[in-house]
Structures are given as C-alpha cells and as structure tokens.
C-alpha cells in the first residue's frame, strides 16, 4: 500500500508525522519504506538521525534517479545507520525500515515520460518488497503532487492500493488553505480527474491529519487566565464549524496530533523512552501517533463518510 503525504503549506508537521508513522508501523512488524519526494527540501534523513547525510545524498538520491543519471536510488537502512540511541538496535519483532533519500540540491522539476516511467518502475518494485510505502510530497500544488497523481493512473499501477494523507495545522488560515489544495481549482481532485482518476474514488482515498492541535484542558495551559481559556474554547468551536463547512470536518479526519513541545524544538521520532524514561514527550502525543499508524490500514476509517 502507498500512502502519499501532502500539505498546502510547509510547517504543518507533514514530514515529521509521516516519519513517526513509518516508525510505528515498522515497530508493529511491517516492512516499511519512506520515500522522500520533498524535492525542494529533502530533510527526512535528519528526522531519522542519519548524520552522514542530513539533507539527502548528493548524486545518488531520488532526484538523480528520476532524471535518469543513476540506475537505482540510494537506500538507507534506518536500523543500521541511525545514531538515534533507541533505534540503534532493531527491536525484536520489528519489520524493515528503509529510507529513500532525496538529493540536497535537486529542487522541483517537471514530469516527462522518462521520469514518469522511472517513477512507476520504482513504485512497482517497492510495492512488491514492502508492506507500506509512505511518500512524503513537497508542499502545495507541487511537481511532486502532480507526479504522484500521474504515476497512479499508469496501467501498470492498477490494482495497487493508494491512500492520501493531507496535513494541516489547526488554525483558520491552514483550514482554508488545505481546502483549496484538495477541493478548489487546480487542487488534487481536479488535477487527478484531469489525469484520469475517478474523482469520487480519489476523494474517498483522502483523509486529513490535524497537527499541533492545542488542547485547552492540557496542563500546558494551566498557567493561562480564565479569559484566555474561554477564548481558546471559542476558537476551537469556530474551527470545527469552519472545517465542516470546508469539507474537512471530523468525518474526514484520520486523526489529530497534539501540540507537542518536543516537536516545536526538534523534528524527531517520538519513542516510548521519550515518554516513560526521560519524560520529555507527552504520552498523548505518542498515543495519537500510534492510533494514526493503526488507522492507515484500518478500512473502518476509510469508508464513505
């Protein structure tokens, strides 16, 4: 199964959440591949703590492969290459966790028949090798999004299950922006239909993820005044109405990730040790990531809303 991760803006938590979902699924025993299609800023290697290539791998990443300058993109075995103290030894029962990095100086580029063919070849091989492939796409109406829509209409990709996660922060600006990315002119649905997708099927394959969602009842806000708490509750209700009006209400949301201080300071994997041993991360954040990871393949959350 392929899961394409998109967002209208940068800073939505798309990449760090997607990396955490890949980690959680690998812990559960799945063989997982994380594909860094954020061509303008391929920094997934930093989230997985691979110090030798903090911004991808020059000349052997996905950009070089798709342009045809190399025959096979680089692969990083996270369990072997990471310097994360928890990930250094592969946990018992865990599946493979592999990263396909980008090229740090690659940048965005338009799709042609050559890049499309190479992309389809790669995805078919990955589909035969891994249980789950998460593809992190560049933000906005990017060439990466267009390539994902193009490649999934190729005849050889028929029968390969694909799902889309669209990330946004829980603010008025981001709710409006993510509605535009999916539903408005030149958005994912219109662009997908123009490329041969069934618009209804594509719409049913899209779910939203709310990131950095503040909880007014959280101890994080215990120091604020009653007036501020009342204002936060008012904003929360207004956002729920706005999201529903824009087609991204609760029935289309796969899950929410709470505002997490650790992730505000450092984009990283959240582990049990961060919650139980060092206690630097909140239990609610880890539980939200675990729930999201389970729901990726749970058909109950992907039926017609």
Protein backbone atom coordinates (compact mmCIF):
# COMPACT_ATOMS: atom_id res chain seq x y z
CA UNK A 1 0.00 0.00 0.00
CA UNK A 2 1.13 3.53 -0.82
CA UNK A 3 0.33 6.49 1.41
CA UNK A 4 1.02 9.88 -0.15
CA UNK A 5 1.58 12.67 2.38
CA UNK A 6 0.66 16.15 1.16
CA UNK A 7 0.12 19.61 2.64
CA UNK A 8 -0.69 23.06 1.29
CA UNK A 9 2.00 24.78 3.32
CA UNK A 10 5.31 23.96 4.91
CA UNK A 11 5.49 23.72 8.69
CA UNK A 12 2.41 21.53 9.01
CA UNK A 13 4.22 18.61 10.59
CA UNK A 14 3.78 16.52 7.45
CA UNK A 15 7.29 15.10 7.26
CA UNK A 16 7.92 14.52 10.96
CA UNK A 17 4.49 12.93 11.46
CA UNK A 18 4.91 10.74 8.38
CA UNK A 19 8.31 9.60 9.65
CA UNK A 20 6.77 8.74 13.01
CA UNK A 21 4.02 6.76 11.29
CA UNK A 22 6.64 4.81 9.33
CA UNK A 23 8.50 4.10 12.58
CA UNK A 24 5.35 2.95 14.38
CA UNK A 25 4.36 0.59 11.57
CA UNK A 26 7.85 -0.90 11.47
CA UNK A 27 7.68 -1.44 15.24
CA UNK A 28 4.42 -3.32 14.66
CA UNK A 29 6.21 -5.72 12.31
CA UNK A 30 5.57 -4.23 8.87
CA UNK A 31 8.30 -3.77 6.29
CA UNK A 32 8.13 -0.02 5.69
CA UNK A 33 9.75 2.28 3.14
CA UNK A 34 9.80 6.07 3.48
CA UNK A 35 10.25 7.85 0.14
CA UNK A 36 11.41 11.49 0.33
CA UNK A 37 9.68 13.24 -2.59
CA UNK A 38 10.02 16.64 -0.92
CA UNK A 39 12.29 17.65 -3.78
CA UNK A 40 12.83 21.24 -2.66
CA UNK A 41 13.81 20.31 0.90
CA UNK A 42 14.64 16.60 1.34
CA UNK A 43 15.41 16.54 5.06
CA UNK A 44 13.78 13.28 6.20
CA UNK A 45 17.24 11.90 6.97
CA UNK A 46 17.51 14.39 9.82
CA UNK A 47 14.28 13.12 11.42
CA UNK A 48 15.71 9.59 11.35
CA UNK A 49 19.05 10.82 12.79
CA UNK A 50 21.35 9.81 9.96
CA UNK A 51 24.26 12.24 10.44
CA UNK A 52 26.21 11.36 7.30
CA UNK A 53 23.53 12.86 5.04
CA UNK A 54 21.42 15.44 6.92
CA UNK A 55 19.95 16.85 3.70
CA UNK A 56 19.85 13.79 1.50
CA UNK A 57 22.57 12.25 -0.61
CA UNK A 58 24.13 14.21 -3.45
CA UNK A 59 24.13 12.48 -6.84
CA UNK A 60 22.51 9.25 -5.70
CA UNK A 61 19.12 10.32 -4.36
CA UNK A 62 15.64 10.20 -5.83
CA UNK A 63 16.09 13.36 -7.88
CA UNK A 64 19.11 11.86 -9.67
CA UNK A 65 17.24 8.59 -10.22
CA UNK A 66 14.12 10.23 -11.66
CA UNK A 67 16.23 12.35 -14.01
CA UNK A 68 17.93 9.18 -15.25
CA UNK A 69 21.50 9.94 -14.18
CA UNK A 70 21.66 6.81 -12.00
CA UNK A 71 20.05 3.41 -12.37
CA UNK A 72 18.93 2.94 -8.77
CA UNK A 73 18.40 5.43 -5.92
CA UNK A 74 20.27 5.15 -2.64
CA UNK A 75 18.67 3.25 0.23
CA UNK A 76 19.30 3.84 3.91
CA UNK A 77 18.58 1.06 6.40
CA UNK A 78 17.42 3.13 9.36
CA UNK A 79 18.09 0.46 11.98
CA UNK A 80 21.72 0.18 10.84
CA UNK A 81 22.60 3.79 10.01
CA UNK A 82 20.78 5.89 12.58
CA UNK A 83 22.53 7.50 15.53
CA UNK A 84 19.28 7.68 17.46
CA UNK A 85 20.09 5.89 20.75
CA UNK A 86 16.78 3.98 20.78
CA UNK A 87 16.84 2.92 17.13
CA UNK A 88 20.44 1.68 17.00
CA UNK A 89 19.36 -1.87 17.78
CA UNK A 90 16.41 -3.16 15.79
CA UNK A 91 13.66 -4.11 18.27
CA UNK A 92 12.55 -7.72 18.41
CA UNK A 93 9.65 -8.32 16.04
CA UNK A 94 10.15 -5.09 14.13
CA UNK A 95 10.00 -5.02 10.36
CA UNK A 96 12.37 -3.34 7.95
CA UNK A 97 12.58 0.46 8.00
CA UNK A 98 14.17 1.87 4.87
CA UNK A 99 14.55 5.45 3.67
CA UNK A 100 14.95 6.51 0.04
CA UNK A 101 16.52 9.98 0.38
CA UNK A 102 16.47 12.92 -1.98
CA UNK A 103 19.30 14.98 -3.42
CA UNK A 104 20.03 18.14 -1.38
CA UNK A 105 20.48 20.34 -4.47
CA UNK A 106 17.79 18.67 -6.59
CA UNK A 107 14.89 21.13 -6.47
CA UNK A 108 11.49 20.78 -8.12
CA UNK A 109 11.24 19.57 -11.71
CA UNK A 110 8.50 18.90 -14.24
CA UNK A 111 7.37 15.38 -15.08
CA UNK A 112 8.06 13.93 -18.52
CA UNK A 113 7.56 10.45 -19.89
CA UNK A 114 11.03 9.37 -18.80
CA UNK A 115 10.64 10.47 -15.20
CA UNK A 116 7.13 9.02 -15.10
CA UNK A 117 8.33 5.65 -16.37
CA UNK A 118 11.19 5.54 -13.87
CA UNK A 119 8.84 6.56 -11.06
CA UNK A 120 6.35 3.81 -11.96
CA UNK A 121 9.13 1.22 -12.18
CA UNK A 122 10.41 2.21 -8.73
CA UNK A 123 6.97 2.17 -7.14
CA UNK A 124 6.11 -1.23 -8.55
CA UNK A 125 9.33 -2.67 -7.16
CA UNK A 126 8.76 -1.08 -3.78
CA UNK A 127 5.18 -2.37 -3.72
CA UNK A 128 6.44 -5.90 -4.21
CA UNK A 129 9.04 -5.54 -1.47
CA UNK A 130 7.34 -3.58 1.34
CA UNK A 131 4.05 -3.77 3.20
CA UNK A 132 3.73 0.00 3.41
CA UNK A 133 5.34 2.81 1.41
CA UNK A 134 4.96 6.36 2.68
CA UNK A 135 5.75 9.02 0.06
CA UNK A 136 6.43 12.48 1.51
CA UNK A 137 5.46 15.06 -1.14
CA UNK A 138 6.59 18.67 -1.48
CA UNK A 139 4.15 21.19 -0.05
CA UNK A 140 1.47 22.85 -2.17
CA UNK A 141 0.49 22.21 -5.78
CA UNK A 142 3.95 20.88 -6.47
CA UNK A 143 5.54 18.78 -9.20
CA UNK A 144 5.78 16.00 -6.63
CA UNK A 145 1.99 16.00 -6.16
CA UNK A 146 1.50 16.05 -9.93
CA UNK A 147 3.90 13.14 -10.33
CA UNK A 148 2.03 11.14 -7.69
CA UNK A 149 -1.27 11.77 -9.47
CA UNK A 150 0.28 10.91 -12.84
CA UNK A 151 2.01 7.72 -11.80
CA UNK A 152 -1.01 6.28 -10.02
CA UNK A 153 -3.02 6.38 -13.27
CA UNK A 154 -0.47 4.32 -15.19
CA UNK A 155 -1.84 0.95 -16.40
CA UNK A 156 0.83 -0.99 -14.51
CA UNK A 157 -0.22 0.68 -11.26
CA UNK A 158 -3.80 -0.53 -11.47
CA UNK A 159 -4.60 -2.73 -8.53
CA UNK A 160 -2.00 -1.05 -6.30
CA UNK A 161 -3.81 0.44 -3.30
CA UNK A 162 -3.11 4.11 -2.67
CA UNK A 163 -4.26 6.48 0.05
CA UNK A 164 -3.63 10.16 0.70
CA UNK A 165 -3.00 11.97 3.96
CA UNK A 166 -3.31 15.76 3.77
CA UNK A 167 -1.78 17.58 6.73
CA UNK A 168 -2.69 20.96 8.18
CA UNK A 169 -2.23 22.86 11.39
CA UNK A 170 -5.31 23.59 13.44
CA UNK A 171 -5.66 27.27 12.52
CA UNK A 172 -8.12 29.22 10.41
CA UNK A 173 -5.54 30.02 7.75
CA UNK A 174 -4.46 26.39 7.40
CA UNK A 175 -8.02 25.04 7.26
CA UNK A 176 -8.84 27.41 4.39
CA UNK A 177 -5.56 26.64 2.63
CA UNK A 178 -5.89 22.85 2.81
CA UNK A 179 -9.45 23.08 1.47
CA UNK A 180 -8.00 24.87 -1.54
CA UNK A 181 -5.30 22.26 -2.05
CA UNK A 182 -7.83 19.45 -2.25
CA UNK A 183 -11.15 20.85 -3.44
CA UNK A 184 -10.63 24.09 -5.37
CA UNK A 185 -9.43 24.87 -8.90
CA UNK A 186 -6.19 23.05 -9.77
CA UNK A 187 -6.44 21.16 -6.48
CA UNK A 188 -5.75 17.47 -6.00
CA UNK A 189 -9.24 16.34 -7.05
CA UNK A 190 -9.42 18.47 -10.18
CA UNK A 191 -5.83 17.68 -11.18
CA UNK A 192 -6.40 13.99 -10.51
CA UNK A 193 -9.56 13.87 -12.61
CA UNK A 194 -7.75 15.60 -15.49
CA UNK A 195 -5.18 12.80 -15.38
CA UNK A 196 -7.74 10.02 -15.47
CA UNK A 197 -8.61 9.44 -11.82
CA UNK A 198 -12.19 8.77 -10.84
CA UNK A 199 -12.91 11.88 -8.78
CA UNK A 200 -15.17 10.09 -6.30
CA UNK A 201 -12.68 7.25 -5.76
CA UNK A 202 -9.84 9.72 -5.29
CA UNK A 203 -11.89 11.78 -2.84
CA UNK A 204 -12.64 8.67 -0.78
CA UNK A 205 -8.91 7.89 -0.65
CA UNK A 206 -8.12 11.22 1.05
CA UNK A 207 -8.11 11.79 4.79
CA UNK A 208 -6.89 14.78 6.77
CA UNK A 209 -4.50 14.98 9.70
CA UNK A 210 -4.62 17.91 12.10
CA UNK A 211 -1.19 18.68 13.51
CA UNK A 212 -0.04 20.69 16.53
CA UNK A 213 -3.58 20.82 17.92
CA UNK A 214 -3.70 22.66 21.28
CA UNK A 215 -5.93 21.20 23.98
CA UNK A 216 -7.29 23.91 26.30
CA UNK A 217 -7.60 21.29 29.05
CA UNK A 218 -3.94 20.25 28.79
CA UNK A 219 -1.55 21.01 31.69
CA UNK A 220 0.42 23.04 29.12
CA UNK A 221 -2.17 25.80 29.52
CA UNK A 222 -2.68 25.58 33.28
CA UNK A 223 -0.96 28.94 33.75
CA UNK A 224 -3.23 30.95 31.45
CA UNK A 225 -6.06 33.14 32.67
CA UNK A 226 -9.75 32.16 32.62
CA UNK A 227 -10.31 34.72 29.86
CA UNK A 228 -7.64 33.08 27.73
CA UNK A 229 -9.11 29.61 28.33
CA UNK A 230 -12.55 30.87 27.31
CA UNK A 231 -11.06 32.41 24.16
CA UNK A 232 -9.31 29.14 23.26
CA UNK A 233 -12.55 27.19 23.63
CA UNK A 234 -14.31 29.73 21.41
CA UNK A 235 -11.60 29.38 18.75
CA UNK A 236 -11.86 25.59 18.92
CA UNK A 237 -15.61 25.70 18.26
CA UNK A 238 -15.18 28.18 15.41
CA UNK A 239 -12.50 25.99 13.82
CA UNK A 240 -14.72 22.91 13.98
CA UNK A 241 -17.53 24.79 12.20
CA UNK A 242 -15.10 26.18 9.62
CA UNK A 243 -13.58 22.73 8.96
CA UNK A 244 -17.03 21.19 8.50
CA UNK A 245 -18.06 23.96 6.08
CA UNK A 246 -14.88 23.36 4.06
CA UNK A 247 -15.32 19.61 3.71
CA UNK A 248 -12.68 18.62 6.25
CA UNK A 249 -14.85 18.01 9.28
CA UNK A 250 -14.38 15.21 11.78
CA UNK A 251 -15.75 12.50 9.46
CA UNK A 252 -12.86 13.08 7.05
CA UNK A 253 -10.12 13.37 9.67
CA UNK A 254 -7.98 10.29 10.27
CA UNK A 255 -6.54 11.73 13.44
CA UNK A 256 -5.01 14.68 15.28
CA UNK A 257 -1.58 15.15 16.81
CA UNK A 258 -1.49 17.32 19.94
CA UNK A 259 0.73 20.33 20.28
CA UNK A 260 3.99 18.72 21.43
CA UNK A 261 6.79 20.88 22.90
CA UNK A 262 9.46 18.38 21.82
CA UNK A 263 8.40 18.71 18.18
CA UNK A 264 8.39 22.51 18.40
CA UNK A 265 12.09 22.39 19.22
CA UNK A 266 13.24 19.36 17.26
CA UNK A 267 11.71 17.31 14.46
CA UNK A 268 12.30 13.78 15.66
CA UNK A 269 10.77 10.38 16.28
CA UNK A 270 8.75 10.11 19.49
CA UNK A 271 9.62 6.88 21.30
CA UNK A 272 8.37 5.17 24.45
CA UNK A 273 11.64 6.16 26.12
CA UNK A 274 10.85 9.83 25.45
CA UNK A 275 7.58 9.36 27.34
CA UNK A 276 8.44 6.84 30.06
CA UNK A 277 12.16 7.23 30.77
CA UNK A 278 13.32 10.76 30.00
CA UNK A 279 9.72 12.10 30.14
CA UNK A 280 10.49 14.82 27.62
CA UNK A 281 7.45 13.99 25.44
CA UNK A 282 3.78 13.73 26.30
CA UNK A 283 2.00 10.40 26.47
CA UNK A 284 -0.91 11.83 24.47
CA UNK A 285 1.40 12.56 21.53
CA UNK A 286 2.73 9.01 21.38
CA UNK A 287 -0.79 7.60 21.66
CA UNK A 288 -2.00 9.87 18.84
CA UNK A 289 0.83 8.68 16.57
CA UNK A 290 0.16 5.03 17.43
CA UNK A 291 -3.54 5.48 16.63
CA UNK A 292 -2.80 7.19 13.33
CA UNK A 293 -0.40 4.42 12.36
CA UNK A 294 -3.04 1.75 13.03
CA UNK A 295 -5.70 3.65 11.13
CA UNK A 296 -3.59 3.87 7.98
CA UNK A 297 -4.66 0.35 7.04
CA UNK A 298 -7.91 0.05 9.01
CA UNK A 299 -10.72 0.09 6.44
CA UNK A 300 -13.19 1.25 9.07
CA UNK A 301 -11.62 4.73 8.81
CA UNK A 302 -11.58 4.79 5.01
CA UNK A 303 -15.21 4.06 4.17
CA UNK A 304 -17.56 6.54 2.58
CA UNK A 305 -18.04 9.28 5.19
